[in-house]
Structures are given as structure tokens and as C-alpha cells.
């Protein structure tokens, strides 16, 4: 494994870990997570959101499904950003997380990306 792939894997883990941990916390109805999701107005969706977040994290980390996972993570975090903007809450974390995930993906799949973009 090249250094860029290792760095990409590390960035992917760092980027997807908050989504995965949040999913587990939603699924098990951890009080802090319940309070946070009530704040943005989605408390009725706690368990489904938890399952979806865990699924996105798993898809992102499996090499064969990582492209789909990264796209889903980007969409998910876009919705999270919109929810935080709607209630006039801070949203920097929600906006930066997908960038970190995409950079990690690009480094993990550098050879494939180069071939796809440059036709080599």
C-alpha cells in the first residue's frame, strides 16, 4: 500500500467516523444524540436515521462500494448542513466533513481516478 493510499484510508476513517458513531448513537437512542436531533427537528426519525448513517459508513469503507458510499455521505451531510442552516445553527463541521471524505476517497483510489480523469 502506498503512502497516499494509507493517508486516504486514514482520512476516510476520520471523515466517516462521526457519521458511524452518530448512527450508532441514534439507533441506541443515546440521550445526547436524542437532544441533538430534537434540536434540528427530526426526533421522529431517530432509528431510521441511525440505520442510514451506519449503512453509509459501511458502504464508504468497503472498496467495492466506496464510490456509492461517498456520494451518499455527501448527500447526507448536505441535508445536515441545510437542517442546521434552517435553524440558524453552526454548520461548518457538516460542510467540511464531505470534503474530508472525498479527499480520502481520491487518495485511496488515486490510480483509478487518474485513469478515469486522464484516460490512461
Protein backbone atom coordinates (compact mmCIF):
# COMPACT_ATOMS: atom_id res chain seq x y z
CA UNK A 1 0.00 0.00 0.00
CA UNK A 2 1.39 3.39 -0.99
CA UNK A 3 1.64 6.31 1.39
CA UNK A 4 -1.14 8.16 -0.44
CA UNK A 5 -3.46 5.16 -0.10
CA UNK A 6 -2.67 4.88 3.60
CA UNK A 7 -3.29 8.59 4.09
CA UNK A 8 -6.50 8.27 2.07
CA UNK A 9 -7.69 5.42 4.26
CA UNK A 10 -6.90 7.42 7.40
CA UNK A 11 -8.76 10.48 6.09
CA UNK A 12 -11.71 8.30 5.09
CA UNK A 13 -11.87 6.81 8.58
CA UNK A 14 -11.59 10.24 10.22
CA UNK A 15 -14.29 11.59 7.91
CA UNK A 16 -16.74 8.72 8.20
CA UNK A 17 -16.24 8.01 11.91
CA UNK A 18 -18.53 10.84 13.13
CA UNK A 19 -21.26 9.59 10.78
CA UNK A 20 -20.88 5.99 12.00
CA UNK A 21 -20.74 6.95 15.69
CA UNK A 22 -23.73 9.24 15.25
CA UNK A 23 -25.63 6.41 13.59
CA UNK A 24 -24.96 4.04 16.48
CA UNK A 25 -25.92 6.76 18.97
CA UNK A 26 -29.18 7.43 17.10
CA UNK A 27 -30.00 3.72 16.85
CA UNK A 28 -29.47 3.15 20.57
CA UNK A 29 -31.16 6.45 21.49
CA UNK A 30 -28.24 7.85 23.46
CA UNK A 31 -29.60 10.93 25.31
CA UNK A 32 -27.03 13.33 23.81
CA UNK A 33 -27.98 12.20 20.30
CA UNK A 34 -31.70 12.46 21.09
CA UNK A 35 -31.21 16.03 22.30
CA UNK A 36 -29.20 16.98 19.21
CA UNK A 37 -31.72 15.55 16.75
CA UNK A 38 -34.61 17.18 18.63
CA UNK A 39 -32.78 20.50 18.25
CA UNK A 40 -32.92 20.22 14.44
CA UNK A 41 -36.46 18.86 14.44
CA UNK A 42 -36.09 15.23 13.36
CA UNK A 43 -36.66 13.32 16.61
CA UNK A 44 -39.34 11.15 14.99
CA UNK A 45 -36.69 9.73 12.60
CA UNK A 46 -34.09 8.66 15.16
CA UNK A 47 -33.88 4.90 14.42
CA UNK A 48 -34.16 5.19 10.60
CA UNK A 49 -31.51 7.93 10.57
CA UNK A 50 -29.26 5.72 12.68
CA UNK A 51 -29.58 2.79 10.30
CA UNK A 52 -28.99 5.00 7.26
CA UNK A 53 -25.88 6.59 8.78
CA UNK A 54 -24.40 3.19 9.68
CA UNK A 55 -25.14 1.91 6.16
CA UNK A 56 -23.47 4.97 4.59
CA UNK A 57 -20.39 4.46 6.77
CA UNK A 58 -20.11 0.78 5.84
CA UNK A 59 -20.57 1.45 2.11
CA UNK A 60 -17.94 4.19 2.22
CA UNK A 61 -15.28 1.99 3.80
CA UNK A 62 -15.73 -1.08 1.57
CA UNK A 63 -13.54 -0.53 -1.51
CA UNK A 64 -16.04 -2.03 -3.97
CA UNK A 65 -18.88 0.22 -2.75
CA UNK A 66 -16.91 3.25 -1.60
CA UNK A 67 -17.93 5.46 -4.55
CA UNK A 68 -21.63 4.96 -3.78
CA UNK A 69 -20.94 5.46 -0.07
CA UNK A 70 -19.08 8.72 -0.65
CA UNK A 71 -21.91 10.05 -2.81
CA UNK A 72 -24.46 9.08 -0.15
CA UNK A 73 -22.30 10.64 2.60
CA UNK A 74 -22.10 13.86 0.60
CA UNK A 75 -25.87 13.95 0.17
CA UNK A 76 -26.45 13.12 3.82
CA UNK A 77 -24.13 15.86 5.02
CA UNK A 78 -25.71 18.29 2.56
CA UNK A 79 -29.04 17.62 4.23
CA UNK A 80 -27.45 18.03 7.65
CA UNK A 81 -25.96 21.35 6.55
CA UNK A 82 -29.36 22.52 5.31
CA UNK A 83 -31.03 21.46 8.56
CA UNK A 84 -28.51 23.44 10.60
CA UNK A 85 -28.81 26.49 8.35
CA UNK A 86 -32.60 26.31 8.69
CA UNK A 87 -32.40 26.68 12.47
CA UNK A 88 -29.55 29.22 12.27
CA UNK A 89 -27.09 26.84 13.91
CA UNK A 90 -23.37 26.37 13.21
CA UNK A 91 -22.80 24.19 10.15
CA UNK A 92 -19.05 24.29 9.44
CA UNK A 93 -18.50 20.70 10.59
CA UNK A 94 -21.33 19.42 8.39
CA UNK A 95 -19.96 21.29 5.39
CA UNK A 96 -16.32 20.25 5.83
CA UNK A 97 -16.87 16.56 6.54
CA UNK A 98 -17.79 15.60 2.94
CA UNK A 99 -14.66 17.37 1.68
CA UNK A 100 -12.54 15.25 4.00
CA UNK A 101 -14.36 12.11 2.87
CA UNK A 102 -13.84 12.94 -0.83
CA UNK A 103 -10.14 13.71 -0.35
CA UNK A 104 -9.75 10.38 1.44
CA UNK A 105 -11.60 8.60 -1.35
CA UNK A 106 -9.45 10.27 -4.00
CA UNK A 107 -6.23 9.25 -2.29
CA UNK A 108 -7.46 5.69 -1.70
CA UNK A 109 -8.38 5.31 -5.37
CA UNK A 110 -5.69 7.52 -6.86
CA UNK A 111 -4.73 5.17 -9.70
CA UNK A 112 -8.32 4.63 -10.77
CA UNK A 113 -9.09 8.35 -10.57
CA UNK A 114 -6.05 9.23 -12.64
CA UNK A 115 -7.03 6.68 -15.29
CA UNK A 116 -10.62 7.89 -15.31
CA UNK A 117 -9.77 11.59 -15.49
CA UNK A 118 -6.78 11.40 -17.82
CA UNK A 119 -7.80 8.40 -19.89
CA UNK A 120 -4.68 6.39 -19.03
